[in-house]
Amino acid sequence: MKPPGVASGDALFLDLDGTLIEIAPTPDAVRPARRLPQLLGHLSHRLGSALAIISGRPISEIDRILAPLVLPAAGLHGLERRSANGTRHPPPALPRLRELRTALQDFAADHPGLLLEDKGAALALHYRARPDLRAAAAAAVEAALGCARTGLAVQRGKAVIEIRPDGADKGMAVAAFMSEPPFAGRRPVFAGDDLTDEAAFRAVRERGGVTVRVGGKGTTAAEWSLADVAAVHAWLAATEG
């Protein structure tokens, strides 16, 4: 069901990959639509800067993709955040980073088509090019983690398994933004496409907001849906003015 339009008094939160930009075979191969930064810039102005990107990517990657636009953002599924006033909230260190990275690099090297993405504060094992290795990739992550899991969390997404520090998610990122100007006191609106977005859907619904899942099948906490990235762009463009 098509979601309602974004009102000028709303706070808008948007996932990036699979929501604003098409998912690519590798994380560095994405190409945003040419008009996307302009569209988001106009929306941000209309909303009094109450527009934030909430992504699994680091904030540095969000900025690179949306350049020259710089928005409030939460990266690494909420582990790092940049408030509207520019204040940075850096991510915690990933426990056992070197050990886990070595183990998963070795596994990926032995299985062509797998990609280990080092995000600094998180490690993501991508199997999009080798969906047949989904179970093997999951087993490799479990083996690398072993029993010493204090401070660590495993996050599954579309053709990716991520190890990250425990204690943050996209829902917590929404809550943090909603406690600060210019987001505080507004109705939250969130659009996302992946399992990692479900925490944000729940956080927005708790605040009486609008939740939009892009594509996807199965159960979700979102109340509204859009078919794909193009439909998201059309929805945002229709509410831009």
C-alpha atoms as a PDB file:
ATOM      1  CA  MET A   1       0.000   0.000   0.000  1.00  0.00           C
ATOM      2  CA  LYS A   2       1.395   3.399  -0.998  1.00  0.00           C
ATOM      3  CA  PRO A   3       2.501   5.403   2.038  1.00  0.00           C
ATOM      4  CA  PRO A   4       1.255   8.890   2.878  1.00  0.00           C
ATOM      5  CA  GLY A   5       3.333  11.837   1.773  1.00  0.00           C
ATOM      6  CA  VAL A   6       5.987  13.395   3.950  1.00  0.00           C
ATOM      7  CA  ALA A   7       4.672  16.535   5.646  1.00  0.00           C
ATOM      8  CA  SER A   8       6.760  19.621   6.339  1.00  0.00           C
ATOM      9  CA  GLY A   9       6.565  18.934  10.076  1.00  0.00           C
ATOM     10  CA  ASP A  10       7.878  15.371   9.821  1.00  0.00           C
ATOM     11  CA  ALA A  11      11.315  13.954  10.581  1.00  0.00           C
ATOM     12  CA  LEU A  12      12.463  11.810   7.653  1.00  0.00           C
ATOM     13  CA  PHE A  13      14.880   8.887   8.042  1.00  0.00           C
ATOM     14  CA  LEU A  14      16.072   6.942   5.010  1.00  0.00           C
ATOM     15  CA  ASP A  15      18.135   3.819   4.496  1.00  0.00           C
ATOM     16  CA  LEU A  16      20.613   4.011   1.609  1.00  0.00           C
ATOM     17  CA  ASP A  17      21.340   0.738  -0.244  1.00  0.00           C
ATOM     18  CA  GLY A  18      18.186  -0.855  -1.613  1.00  0.00           C
ATOM     19  CA  THR A  19      16.117   2.188  -0.641  1.00  0.00           C
ATOM     20  CA  LEU A  20      17.713   5.286  -2.182  1.00  0.00           C
ATOM     21  CA  ILE A  21      20.242   3.522  -4.412  1.00  0.00           C
ATOM     22  CA  GLU A  22      20.173   0.200  -6.210  1.00  0.00           C
ATOM     23  CA  ILE A  23      22.142  -2.618  -4.627  1.00  0.00           C
ATOM     24  CA  ALA A  24      25.292  -3.403  -6.623  1.00  0.00           C
ATOM     25  CA  PRO A  25      27.365  -6.610  -6.860  1.00  0.00           C
ATOM     26  CA  THR A  26      29.961  -5.053  -4.548  1.00  0.00           C
ATOM     27  CA  PRO A  27      29.592  -2.173  -2.040  1.00  0.00           C
ATOM     28  CA  ASP A  28      31.932   0.165  -3.953  1.00  0.00           C
ATOM     29  CA  ALA A  29      30.132  -0.352  -7.273  1.00  0.00           C
ATOM     30  CA  VAL A  30      26.961   1.574  -6.406  1.00  0.00           C
ATOM     31  CA  ARG A  31      25.966   4.531  -8.565  1.00  0.00           C
ATOM     32  CA  PRO A  32      23.288   6.870  -7.194  1.00  0.00           C
ATOM     33  CA  ALA A  33      20.766   8.472  -9.501  1.00  0.00           C
ATOM     34  CA  ARG A  34      22.144  11.783 -10.755  1.00  0.00           C
ATOM     35  CA  ARG A  35      19.306  13.820  -9.268  1.00  0.00           C
ATOM     36  CA  LEU A  36      19.316  12.105  -5.854  1.00  0.00           C
ATOM     37  CA  PRO A  37      21.527  14.603  -3.949  1.00  0.00           C
ATOM     38  CA  GLN A  38      19.446  17.488  -5.305  1.00  0.00           C
ATOM     39  CA  LEU A  39      16.195  15.744  -4.363  1.00  0.00           C
ATOM     40  CA  LEU A  40      17.404  15.044  -0.828  1.00  0.00           C
ATOM     41  CA  GLY A  41      18.766  18.571  -0.483  1.00  0.00           C
ATOM     42  CA  HIS A  42      15.404  20.082  -1.392  1.00  0.00           C
ATOM     43  CA  LEU A  43      13.616  17.756   1.016  1.00  0.00           C
ATOM     44  CA  SER A  44      16.033  18.571   3.824  1.00  0.00           C
ATOM     45  CA  HIS A  45      15.409  22.290   3.307  1.00  0.00           C
ATOM     46  CA  ARG A  46      11.649  21.766   3.313  1.00  0.00           C
ATOM     47  CA  LEU A  47      11.896  19.742   6.536  1.00  0.00           C
ATOM     48  CA  GLY A  48      14.076  22.271   8.325  1.00  0.00           C
ATOM     49  CA  SER A  49      17.071  19.914   8.097  1.00  0.00           C
ATOM     50  CA  ALA A  50      15.134  17.092   9.818  1.00  0.00           C
ATOM     51  CA  LEU A  51      16.302  14.486   7.279  1.00  0.00           C
ATOM     52  CA  ALA A  52      18.882  11.838   8.169  1.00  0.00           C
ATOM     53  CA  ILE A  53      20.408   8.847   6.417  1.00  0.00           C
ATOM     54  CA  ILE A  54      20.600   5.651   8.499  1.00  0.00           C
ATOM     55  CA  SER A  55      22.776   3.043   6.809  1.00  0.00           C
ATOM     56  CA  GLY A  56      24.971   0.042   7.346  1.00  0.00           C
ATOM     57  CA  ARG A  57      27.740   1.915   5.568  1.00  0.00           C
ATOM     58  CA  PRO A  58      30.221   4.122   7.407  1.00  0.00           C
ATOM     59  CA  ILE A  59      29.314   7.813   7.397  1.00  0.00           C
ATOM     60  CA  SER A  60      32.351   8.496   5.185  1.00  0.00           C
ATOM     61  CA  GLU A  61      30.823   6.246   2.526  1.00  0.00           C
ATOM     62  CA  ILE A  62      27.406   7.882   2.863  1.00  0.00           C
ATOM     63  CA  ASP A  63      29.047  11.262   2.244  1.00  0.00           C
ATOM     64  CA  ARG A  64      30.990   9.942  -0.748  1.00  0.00           C
ATOM     65  CA  ILE A  65      27.893   8.530  -2.398  1.00  0.00           C
ATOM     66  CA  LEU A  66      25.723  11.607  -1.809  1.00  0.00           C
ATOM     67  CA  ALA A  67      28.428  14.238  -2.450  1.00  0.00           C
ATOM     68  CA  PRO A  68      28.333  17.198  -2.379  1.00  0.00           C
ATOM     69  CA  LEU A  69      25.379  16.809   0.006  1.00  0.00           C
ATOM     70  CA  VAL A  70      26.200  16.350   3.706  1.00  0.00           C
ATOM     71  CA  LEU A  71      23.277  15.288   5.896  1.00  0.00           C
ATOM     72  CA  PRO A  72      22.793  14.146   9.473  1.00  0.00           C
ATOM     73  CA  ALA A  73      23.640  10.456   9.361  1.00  0.00           C
ATOM     74  CA  ALA A  74      23.969   7.241  11.313  1.00  0.00           C
ATOM     75  CA  GLY A  75      26.466   4.733   9.944  1.00  0.00           C
ATOM     76  CA  LEU A  76      27.291   1.108  10.687  1.00  0.00           C
ATOM     77  CA  HIS A  77      23.675   0.386  11.678  1.00  0.00           C
ATOM     78  CA  GLY A  78      23.735   3.119  14.318  1.00  0.00           C
ATOM     79  CA  LEU A  79      27.200   2.491  15.762  1.00  0.00           C
ATOM     80  CA  GLU A  80      28.347   5.943  14.617  1.00  0.00           C
ATOM     81  CA  ARG A  81      26.291   9.086  14.218  1.00  0.00           C
ATOM     82  CA  ARG A  82      26.562  12.699  13.077  1.00  0.00           C
ATOM     83  CA  SER A  83      23.974  15.037  14.551  1.00  0.00           C
ATOM     84  CA  ALA A  84      22.390  17.883  12.610  1.00  0.00           C
ATOM     85  CA  ASN A  85      24.757  20.349  14.315  1.00  0.00           C
ATOM     86  CA  GLY A  86      27.766  18.373  13.101  1.00  0.00           C
ATOM     87  CA  THR A  87      28.583  16.677  16.402  1.00  0.00           C
ATOM     88  CA  ARG A  88      30.217  13.287  15.780  1.00  0.00           C
ATOM     89  CA  HIS A  89      29.490  10.222  17.867  1.00  0.00           C
ATOM     90  CA  PRO A  90      32.241   7.746  16.879  1.00  0.00           C
ATOM     91  CA  PRO A  91      31.780   3.971  16.869  1.00  0.00           C
ATOM     92  CA  PRO A  92      33.241   1.736  19.569  1.00  0.00           C
ATOM     93  CA  ALA A  93      36.143  -0.534  18.699  1.00  0.00           C
ATOM     94  CA  LEU A  94      35.303  -4.007  17.428  1.00  0.00           C
ATOM     95  CA  PRO A  95      36.600  -6.596  19.913  1.00  0.00           C
ATOM     96  CA  ARG A  96      39.033  -9.122  18.428  1.00  0.00           C
ATOM     97  CA  LEU A  97      39.137  -7.194  15.138  1.00  0.00           C
ATOM     98  CA  ARG A  98      42.489  -8.489  13.898  1.00  0.00           C
ATOM     99  CA  GLU A  99      41.725 -12.097  14.799  1.00  0.00           C
ATOM    100  CA  LEU A 100      38.270 -12.087  13.214  1.00  0.00           C
ATOM    101  CA  ARG A 101      39.472 -10.254  10.107  1.00  0.00           C
ATOM    102  CA  THR A 102      42.283 -12.764   9.530  1.00  0.00           C
ATOM    103  CA  ALA A 103      39.972 -15.756   9.919  1.00  0.00           C
ATOM    104  CA  LEU A 104      37.337 -14.385   7.546  1.00  0.00           C
ATOM    105  CA  GLN A 105      39.900 -13.114   5.027  1.00  0.00           C
ATOM    106  CA  ASP A 106      41.354 -16.611   4.848  1.00  0.00           C
ATOM    107  CA  PHE A 107      37.890 -18.103   4.373  1.00  0.00           C
ATOM    108  CA  ALA A 108      36.992 -15.616   1.626  1.00  0.00           C
ATOM    109  CA  ALA A 109      40.310 -16.223  -0.140  1.00  0.00           C
ATOM    110  CA  ASP A 110      39.524 -19.954  -0.267  1.00  0.00           C
ATOM    111  CA  HIS A 111      36.063 -19.316  -1.764  1.00  0.00           C
ATOM    112  CA  PRO A 112      36.161 -17.153  -4.928  1.00  0.00           C
ATOM    113  CA  GLY A 113      33.219 -14.777  -5.166  1.00  0.00           C
ATOM    114  CA  LEU A 114      33.051 -14.027  -1.460  1.00  0.00           C
ATOM    115  CA  LEU A 115      34.003 -10.544  -0.304  1.00  0.00           C
ATOM    116  CA  LEU A 116      35.079  -9.465   3.175  1.00  0.00           C
ATOM    117  CA  GLU A 117      34.374  -5.757   3.714  1.00  0.00           C
ATOM    118  CA  ASP A 118      36.374  -4.167   6.531  1.00  0.00           C
ATOM    119  CA  LYS A 119      34.369  -1.189   7.845  1.00  0.00           C
ATOM    120  CA  GLY A 120      36.822  -0.424  10.622  1.00  0.00           C
ATOM    121  CA  ALA A 121      34.318  -0.953  13.425  1.00  0.00           C
ATOM    122  CA  ALA A 122      32.603  -3.892  11.711  1.00  0.00           C
ATOM    123  CA  LEU A 123      33.314  -6.760   9.324  1.00  0.00           C
ATOM    124  CA  ALA A 124      30.851  -7.770   6.608  1.00  0.00           C
ATOM    125  CA  LEU A 125      31.087 -11.058   4.704  1.00  0.00           C
ATOM    126  CA  HIS A 126      29.231 -10.663   1.395  1.00  0.00           C
ATOM    127  CA  TYR A 127      28.035 -13.685  -0.586  1.00  0.00           C
ATOM    128  CA  ARG A 128      25.891 -11.929  -3.221  1.00  0.00           C
ATOM    129  CA  ALA A 129      28.052 -13.374  -6.024  1.00  0.00           C
ATOM    130  CA  ARG A 130      27.953 -16.829  -4.426  1.00  0.00           C
ATOM    131  CA  PRO A 131      24.495 -17.429  -2.951  1.00  0.00           C
ATOM    132  CA  ASP A 132      25.315 -21.128  -2.888  1.00  0.00           C
ATOM    133  CA  LEU A 133      27.790 -20.368  -0.089  1.00  0.00           C
ATOM    134  CA  ARG A 134      25.244 -18.808   2.252  1.00  0.00           C
ATOM    135  CA  ALA A 135      25.338 -21.669   4.756  1.00  0.00           C
ATOM    136  CA  ALA A 136      29.118 -21.998   4.510  1.00  0.00           C
ATOM    137  CA  ALA A 137      29.560 -18.263   5.125  1.00  0.00           C
ATOM    138  CA  ALA A 138      27.330 -18.410   8.187  1.00  0.00           C
ATOM    139  CA  ALA A 139      29.271 -21.385   9.504  1.00  0.00           C
ATOM    140  CA  ALA A 140      32.564 -19.541   8.948  1.00  0.00           C
ATOM    141  CA  VAL A 141      31.335 -16.556  10.939  1.00  0.00           C
ATOM    142  CA  GLU A 142      30.205 -18.814  13.765  1.00  0.00           C
ATOM    143  CA  ALA A 143      33.540 -20.637  13.763  1.00  0.00           C
ATOM    144  CA  ALA A 144      35.486 -17.367  13.820  1.00  0.00           C
ATOM    145  CA  LEU A 145      33.457 -16.064  16.733  1.00  0.00           C
ATOM    146  CA  GLY A 146      33.727 -19.251  18.780  1.00  0.00           C
ATOM    147  CA  CYS A 147      32.579 -18.939  22.382  1.00  0.00           C
ATOM    148  CA  ALA A 148      34.198 -15.571  23.165  1.00  0.00           C
ATOM    149  CA  ARG A 149      31.378 -13.282  22.058  1.00  0.00           C
ATOM    150  CA  THR A 150      31.315 -10.611  24.747  1.00  0.00           C
ATOM    151  CA  GLY A 151      30.658  -7.230  23.152  1.00  0.00           C
ATOM    152  CA  LEU A 152      29.967  -8.722  19.720  1.00  0.00           C
ATOM    153  CA  ALA A 153      26.777  -8.973  17.655  1.00  0.00           C
ATOM    154  CA  VAL A 154      25.985 -10.761  14.388  1.00  0.00           C
ATOM    155  CA  GLN A 155      23.761  -8.887  11.933  1.00  0.00           C
ATOM    156  CA  ARG A 156      22.274 -10.603   8.880  1.00  0.00           C
ATOM    157  CA  GLY A 157      21.214  -8.689   5.795  1.00  0.00           C
ATOM    158  CA  LYS A 158      20.665  -9.213   2.086  1.00  0.00           C
ATOM    159  CA  ALA A 159      23.438 -11.622   1.048  1.00  0.00           C
ATOM    160  CA  VAL A 160      25.672 -10.424   3.880  1.00  0.00           C
ATOM    161  CA  ILE A 161      26.585 -11.430   7.423  1.00  0.00           C
ATOM    162  CA  GLU A 162      28.121  -8.738   9.595  1.00  0.00           C
ATOM    163  CA  ILE A 163      30.031  -8.830  12.860  1.00  0.00           C
ATOM    164  CA  ARG A 164      29.826  -5.576  14.798  1.00  0.00           C
ATOM    165  CA  PRO A 165      30.064  -4.288  18.351  1.00  0.00           C
ATOM    166  CA  ASP A 166      26.980  -5.004  20.424  1.00  0.00           C
ATOM    167  CA  GLY A 167      24.752  -2.290  21.822  1.00  0.00           C
ATOM    168  CA  ALA A 168      23.405  -0.316  18.848  1.00  0.00           C
ATOM    169  CA  ASP A 169      20.935  -0.680  16.015  1.00  0.00           C
ATOM    170  CA  LYS A 170      18.999   1.506  13.606  1.00  0.00           C
ATOM    171  CA  GLY A 171      16.132   1.856  16.050  1.00  0.00           C
ATOM    172  CA  MET A 172      18.474   3.310  18.648  1.00  0.00           C
ATOM    173  CA  ALA A 173      19.805   5.705  16.005  1.00  0.00           C
ATOM    174  CA  VAL A 174      16.260   6.925  15.287  1.00  0.00           C
ATOM    175  CA  ALA A 175      15.665   7.395  19.024  1.00  0.00           C
ATOM    176  CA  ALA A 176      18.881   9.397  19.395  1.00  0.00           C
ATOM    177  CA  PHE A 177      17.986  11.725  16.529  1.00  0.00           C
ATOM    178  CA  MET A 178      14.450  12.147  17.873  1.00  0.00           C
ATOM    179  CA  SER A 179      15.873  13.437  21.168  1.00  0.00           C
ATOM    180  CA  GLU A 180      17.684  16.295  19.394  1.00  0.00           C
ATOM    181  CA  PRO A 181      16.749  19.319  17.287  1.00  0.00           C
ATOM    182  CA  PRO A 182      15.563  19.605  14.590  1.00  0.00           C
ATOM    183  CA  PHE A 183      14.008  16.107  14.842  1.00  0.00           C
ATOM    184  CA  ALA A 184      12.530  16.344  18.345  1.00  0.00           C
ATOM    185  CA  GLY A 185       8.760  16.781  18.513  1.00  0.00           C
ATOM    186  CA  ARG A 186       8.137  15.740  14.909  1.00  0.00           C
ATOM    187  CA  ARG A 187       6.393  12.693  13.467  1.00  0.00           C
ATOM    188  CA  PRO A 188       9.099  10.239  12.352  1.00  0.00           C
ATOM    189  CA  VAL A 189       9.013   8.652   8.898  1.00  0.00           C
ATOM    190  CA  PHE A 190      11.388   5.814   8.000  1.00  0.00           C
ATOM    191  CA  ALA A 191      11.920   3.882   4.763  1.00  0.00           C
ATOM    192  CA  GLY A 192      14.170   0.826   4.487  1.00  0.00           C
ATOM    193  CA  ASP A 193      14.426  -2.471   2.696  1.00  0.00           C
ATOM    194  CA  ASP A 194      16.340  -4.984   4.822  1.00  0.00           C
ATOM    195  CA  LEU A 195      16.265  -6.997   8.032  1.00  0.00           C
ATOM    196  CA  THR A 196      18.568  -4.396   9.567  1.00  0.00           C
ATOM    197  CA  ASP A 197      15.766  -1.817   9.176  1.00  0.00           C
ATOM    198  CA  GLU A 198      13.241  -3.690  11.305  1.00  0.00           C
ATOM    199  CA  ALA A 199      14.551  -2.145  14.545  1.00  0.00           C
ATOM    200  CA  ALA A 200      13.983   1.310  13.034  1.00  0.00           C
ATOM    201  CA  PHE A 201      10.467   0.346  11.934  1.00  0.00           C
ATOM    202  CA  ARG A 202       9.652  -0.651  15.502  1.00  0.00           C
ATOM    203  CA  ALA A 203      11.149   2.527  16.956  1.00  0.00           C
ATOM    204  CA  VAL A 204       9.170   4.712  14.532  1.00  0.00           C
ATOM    205  CA  ARG A 205       5.895   2.886  15.167  1.00  0.00           C
ATOM    206  CA  GLU A 206       6.380   3.330  18.917  1.00  0.00           C
ATOM    207  CA  ARG A 207       6.427   7.065  18.226  1.00  0.00           C
ATOM    208  CA  GLY A 208       3.320   7.046  16.040  1.00  0.00           C
ATOM    209  CA  GLY A 209       5.273   7.474  12.824  1.00  0.00           C
ATOM    210  CA  VAL A 210       5.141   6.206   9.255  1.00  0.00           C
ATOM    211  CA  THR A 211       7.066   3.039   8.321  1.00  0.00           C
ATOM    212  CA  VAL A 212       7.758   2.054   4.713  1.00  0.00           C
ATOM    213  CA  ARG A 213       9.382  -1.163   3.565  1.00  0.00           C
ATOM    214  CA  VAL A 214      10.900  -1.159   0.101  1.00  0.00           C
ATOM    215  CA  GLY A 215      10.473  -4.438  -1.787  1.00  0.00           C
ATOM    216  CA  GLY A 216      10.934  -7.590   0.216  1.00  0.00           C
ATOM    217  CA  LYS A 217       8.669 -10.417   1.286  1.00  0.00           C
ATOM    218  CA  GLY A 218       7.721 -11.967   4.579  1.00  0.00           C
ATOM    219  CA  THR A 219       6.807 -10.423   7.895  1.00  0.00           C
ATOM    220  CA  THR A 220       7.806  -6.871   8.723  1.00  0.00           C
ATOM    221  CA  ALA A 221       7.051  -4.225  11.323  1.00  0.00           C
ATOM    222  CA  ALA A 222       6.466  -1.686   8.546  1.00  0.00           C
ATOM    223  CA  GLU A 223       2.881  -0.632   7.792  1.00  0.00           C
ATOM    224  CA  TRP A 224       3.369   0.670   4.252  1.00  0.00           C
ATOM    225  CA  SER A 225       5.316  -0.509   1.227  1.00  0.00           C
ATOM    226  CA  LEU A 226       6.936   0.644  -1.997  1.00  0.00           C
ATOM    227  CA  ALA A 227       8.044  -1.674  -4.763  1.00  0.00           C
ATOM    228  CA  ASP A 228      11.603  -0.530  -5.403  1.00  0.00           C
ATOM    229  CA  VAL A 229      14.140   2.300  -5.448  1.00  0.00           C
ATOM    230  CA  ALA A 230      12.394   4.031  -8.347  1.00  0.00           C
ATOM    231  CA  ALA A 231       9.137   4.032  -6.376  1.00  0.00           C
ATOM    232  CA  VAL A 232      10.945   5.599  -3.400  1.00  0.00           C
ATOM    233  CA  HIS A 233      12.290   8.377  -5.607  1.00  0.00           C
ATOM    234  CA  ALA A 234       8.803   9.005  -7.026  1.00  0.00           C
ATOM    235  CA  TRP A 235       7.292   9.077  -3.520  1.00  0.00           C
ATOM    236  CA  LEU A 236       9.894  11.553  -2.294  1.00  0.00           C
ATOM    237  CA  ALA A 237       9.614  13.703  -5.414  1.00  0.00           C
ATOM    238  CA  ALA A 238       5.835  13.866  -5.022  1.00  0.00           C
ATOM    239  CA  THR A 239       6.222  15.255  -1.512  1.00  0.00           C
ATOM    240  CA  GLU A 240       9.214  17.472  -2.307  1.00  0.00           C
ATOM    241  CA  GLY A 241       7.326  20.635  -3.012  1.00  0.00           C
END
